[in-house]
N, C-alpha and C. Protein backbone atom coordinates (compact mmCIF):
# COMPACT_ATOMS: atom_id res chain seq x y z
N MET A 1 -23.40 -24.50 6.38
CA MET A 1 -24.68 -24.52 7.05
C MET A 1 -25.46 -23.28 6.63
N ALA A 2 -26.58 -23.45 6.00
CA ALA A 2 -27.40 -22.34 5.54
C ALA A 2 -28.22 -21.77 6.70
N ASN A 3 -28.46 -20.48 6.65
CA ASN A 3 -29.27 -19.85 7.67
C ASN A 3 -30.73 -20.11 7.36
N ASP A 4 -31.36 -20.96 8.18
CA ASP A 4 -32.77 -21.31 7.96
C ASP A 4 -33.72 -20.43 8.76
N GLY A 5 -33.21 -19.35 9.34
CA GLY A 5 -34.05 -18.43 10.09
C GLY A 5 -34.08 -18.69 11.59
N ASN A 6 -33.52 -19.82 12.03
CA ASN A 6 -33.52 -20.14 13.44
C ASN A 6 -32.30 -19.60 14.17
N HIS A 7 -31.31 -19.14 13.44
CA HIS A 7 -30.12 -18.56 14.06
C HIS A 7 -29.64 -17.38 13.23
N TRP A 8 -28.81 -16.55 13.87
CA TRP A 8 -28.32 -15.34 13.23
C TRP A 8 -27.11 -15.62 12.34
N ARG A 9 -26.08 -16.24 12.90
CA ARG A 9 -24.85 -16.61 12.19
C ARG A 9 -24.34 -17.92 12.76
N VAL A 10 -23.23 -18.40 12.21
CA VAL A 10 -22.57 -19.57 12.77
C VAL A 10 -21.17 -19.17 13.24
N CYS A 11 -20.67 -19.89 14.22
CA CYS A 11 -19.34 -19.63 14.75
C CYS A 11 -18.30 -19.87 13.66
N SER A 12 -17.35 -18.98 13.54
CA SER A 12 -16.30 -19.10 12.53
C SER A 12 -15.33 -20.22 12.83
N SER A 13 -15.33 -20.72 14.05
CA SER A 13 -14.40 -21.77 14.44
C SER A 13 -15.06 -23.15 14.45
N CYS A 14 -16.11 -23.31 15.25
CA CYS A 14 -16.73 -24.64 15.41
C CYS A 14 -17.99 -24.83 14.57
N ARG A 15 -18.46 -23.79 13.93
CA ARG A 15 -19.65 -23.81 13.06
C ARG A 15 -20.95 -24.04 13.83
N LYS A 16 -20.95 -23.82 15.13
CA LYS A 16 -22.15 -23.92 15.94
C LYS A 16 -23.01 -22.69 15.69
N PRO A 17 -24.34 -22.83 15.64
CA PRO A 17 -25.19 -21.66 15.39
C PRO A 17 -25.16 -20.65 16.54
N ILE A 18 -25.19 -19.38 16.18
CA ILE A 18 -25.32 -18.29 17.14
C ILE A 18 -26.71 -17.71 16.94
N GLY A 19 -27.54 -17.84 17.94
CA GLY A 19 -28.94 -17.42 17.84
C GLY A 19 -29.12 -15.92 17.91
N TYR A 20 -30.35 -15.50 17.73
CA TYR A 20 -30.71 -14.10 17.87
C TYR A 20 -30.69 -13.72 19.35
N ASP A 21 -30.33 -12.47 19.64
CA ASP A 21 -30.30 -11.92 20.99
C ASP A 21 -29.46 -12.78 21.94
N GLN A 22 -28.29 -13.22 21.47
CA GLN A 22 -27.36 -14.01 22.28
C GLN A 22 -25.99 -13.34 22.28
N LEU A 23 -25.20 -13.67 23.31
CA LEU A 23 -23.83 -13.17 23.36
C LEU A 23 -22.96 -13.93 22.37
N TYR A 24 -22.06 -13.22 21.73
CA TYR A 24 -21.05 -13.82 20.87
C TYR A 24 -19.80 -12.98 21.00
N TYR A 25 -18.70 -13.39 20.38
CA TYR A 25 -17.43 -12.70 20.54
C TYR A 25 -16.85 -12.37 19.18
N THR A 26 -16.18 -11.22 19.11
CA THR A 26 -15.45 -10.83 17.92
C THR A 26 -14.01 -10.57 18.32
N CYS A 27 -13.14 -10.52 17.35
CA CYS A 27 -11.73 -10.25 17.59
C CYS A 27 -11.52 -8.73 17.64
N SER A 28 -10.65 -8.29 18.50
CA SER A 28 -10.39 -6.85 18.64
C SER A 28 -9.58 -6.28 17.47
N VAL A 29 -8.97 -7.13 16.67
CA VAL A 29 -8.15 -6.68 15.54
C VAL A 29 -9.05 -6.32 14.36
N SER A 30 -8.85 -5.14 13.80
CA SER A 30 -9.74 -4.62 12.76
C SER A 30 -9.79 -5.50 11.51
N THR A 31 -8.70 -6.15 11.15
CA THR A 31 -8.71 -6.98 9.94
C THR A 31 -9.61 -8.20 10.10
N CYS A 32 -9.88 -8.63 11.30
CA CYS A 32 -10.80 -9.75 11.53
C CYS A 32 -12.25 -9.30 11.48
N ASN A 33 -12.49 -8.00 11.55
CA ASN A 33 -13.86 -7.48 11.59
C ASN A 33 -14.30 -6.81 10.29
N ARG A 34 -13.50 -6.93 9.27
CA ARG A 34 -13.90 -6.35 7.98
C ARG A 34 -15.09 -7.10 7.42
N LYS A 35 -15.81 -6.46 6.54
CA LYS A 35 -17.02 -7.04 5.98
C LYS A 35 -16.74 -8.38 5.27
N ARG A 36 -15.62 -8.48 4.59
CA ARG A 36 -15.30 -9.72 3.86
C ARG A 36 -14.92 -10.87 4.77
N THR A 37 -14.21 -10.60 5.85
CA THR A 37 -13.79 -11.67 6.76
C THR A 37 -14.82 -11.92 7.84
N ALA A 38 -15.28 -10.88 8.50
CA ALA A 38 -16.35 -10.93 9.51
C ALA A 38 -16.35 -12.22 10.32
N LEU A 39 -15.44 -12.31 11.27
CA LEU A 39 -15.35 -13.49 12.11
C LEU A 39 -16.23 -13.33 13.35
N PHE A 40 -17.03 -14.37 13.64
CA PHE A 40 -17.91 -14.40 14.79
C PHE A 40 -17.62 -15.69 15.55
N PHE A 41 -17.57 -15.60 16.89
CA PHE A 41 -17.24 -16.77 17.70
C PHE A 41 -18.28 -16.96 18.79
N CYS A 42 -18.65 -18.22 19.06
CA CYS A 42 -19.67 -18.52 20.06
C CYS A 42 -19.13 -18.49 21.47
N SER A 43 -17.81 -18.62 21.63
CA SER A 43 -17.20 -18.62 22.97
C SER A 43 -15.78 -18.07 22.88
N VAL A 44 -15.22 -17.77 24.05
CA VAL A 44 -13.85 -17.29 24.10
C VAL A 44 -12.89 -18.41 23.66
N ALA A 45 -13.24 -19.65 23.96
CA ALA A 45 -12.40 -20.79 23.53
C ALA A 45 -12.32 -20.86 22.01
N CYS A 46 -13.42 -20.63 21.32
CA CYS A 46 -13.40 -20.63 19.85
C CYS A 46 -12.61 -19.44 19.32
N TRP A 47 -12.74 -18.29 19.96
CA TRP A 47 -11.93 -17.12 19.56
C TRP A 47 -10.45 -17.44 19.76
N ASP A 48 -10.12 -18.07 20.88
CA ASP A 48 -8.74 -18.43 21.19
C ASP A 48 -8.16 -19.39 20.16
N ALA A 49 -9.00 -20.24 19.59
CA ALA A 49 -8.55 -21.22 18.59
C ALA A 49 -8.10 -20.55 17.29
N HIS A 50 -8.58 -19.35 17.00
CA HIS A 50 -8.19 -18.69 15.74
C HIS A 50 -6.87 -17.93 15.87
N LEU A 51 -6.37 -17.73 17.07
CA LEU A 51 -5.14 -16.94 17.27
C LEU A 51 -3.88 -17.51 16.63
N PRO A 52 -3.62 -18.82 16.70
CA PRO A 52 -2.37 -19.32 16.11
C PRO A 52 -2.23 -19.00 14.61
N GLY A 53 -3.31 -19.07 13.87
CA GLY A 53 -3.25 -18.77 12.44
C GLY A 53 -3.30 -17.29 12.14
N ALA A 54 -3.83 -16.51 13.06
CA ALA A 54 -4.01 -15.08 12.82
C ALA A 54 -2.73 -14.28 13.06
N ARG A 55 -1.86 -14.75 13.91
CA ARG A 55 -0.58 -14.10 14.23
C ARG A 55 -0.75 -12.65 14.68
N HIS A 56 -1.69 -12.42 15.58
CA HIS A 56 -1.89 -11.08 16.15
C HIS A 56 -0.83 -10.81 17.20
N ARG A 57 -0.41 -9.57 17.30
CA ARG A 57 0.54 -9.19 18.35
C ARG A 57 -0.18 -8.98 19.67
N ASP A 58 -1.27 -8.24 19.62
CA ASP A 58 -2.03 -7.93 20.82
C ASP A 58 -3.51 -7.97 20.46
N ALA A 59 -4.24 -8.95 20.98
CA ALA A 59 -5.65 -9.09 20.64
C ALA A 59 -6.43 -9.59 21.84
N TRP A 60 -7.72 -9.32 21.82
CA TRP A 60 -8.61 -9.83 22.87
C TRP A 60 -9.98 -10.07 22.25
N ALA A 61 -10.78 -10.84 22.95
CA ALA A 61 -12.14 -11.13 22.50
C ALA A 61 -13.07 -10.02 23.01
N GLU A 62 -13.88 -9.50 22.13
CA GLU A 62 -14.84 -8.46 22.50
C GLU A 62 -16.23 -9.08 22.53
N GLU A 63 -16.91 -8.90 23.66
CA GLU A 63 -18.26 -9.45 23.82
C GLU A 63 -19.26 -8.58 23.08
N GLN A 64 -20.13 -9.21 22.33
CA GLN A 64 -21.16 -8.52 21.55
C GLN A 64 -22.50 -9.22 21.79
N ARG A 65 -23.59 -8.61 21.36
CA ARG A 65 -24.90 -9.26 21.42
C ARG A 65 -25.49 -9.24 20.01
N SER A 66 -25.96 -10.41 19.58
CA SER A 66 -26.55 -10.50 18.25
C SER A 66 -27.87 -9.73 18.22
N PRO A 67 -28.30 -9.32 17.03
CA PRO A 67 -29.54 -8.54 16.94
C PRO A 67 -30.77 -9.38 17.31
N LYS A 68 -31.81 -8.67 17.69
CA LYS A 68 -33.08 -9.35 17.95
C LYS A 68 -33.75 -9.64 16.62
N ARG A 69 -34.60 -10.59 16.63
CA ARG A 69 -35.31 -10.93 15.40
C ARG A 69 -36.05 -9.74 14.92
């Protein structure tokens, strides 16, 4: 899904758009937040869906706010 200017990013799990100035979630583990991987999630449920493949020992969802236009 290409960014047509109506949203900031898409969810890494469900591919739903994350708009500007909206809440989103990131993983607390640093390897998930690197520039190359940069995982963004629209909900805690989508963040939770990435855990089985990630094999984190101790992780939580961190609430963030997307930038304003």
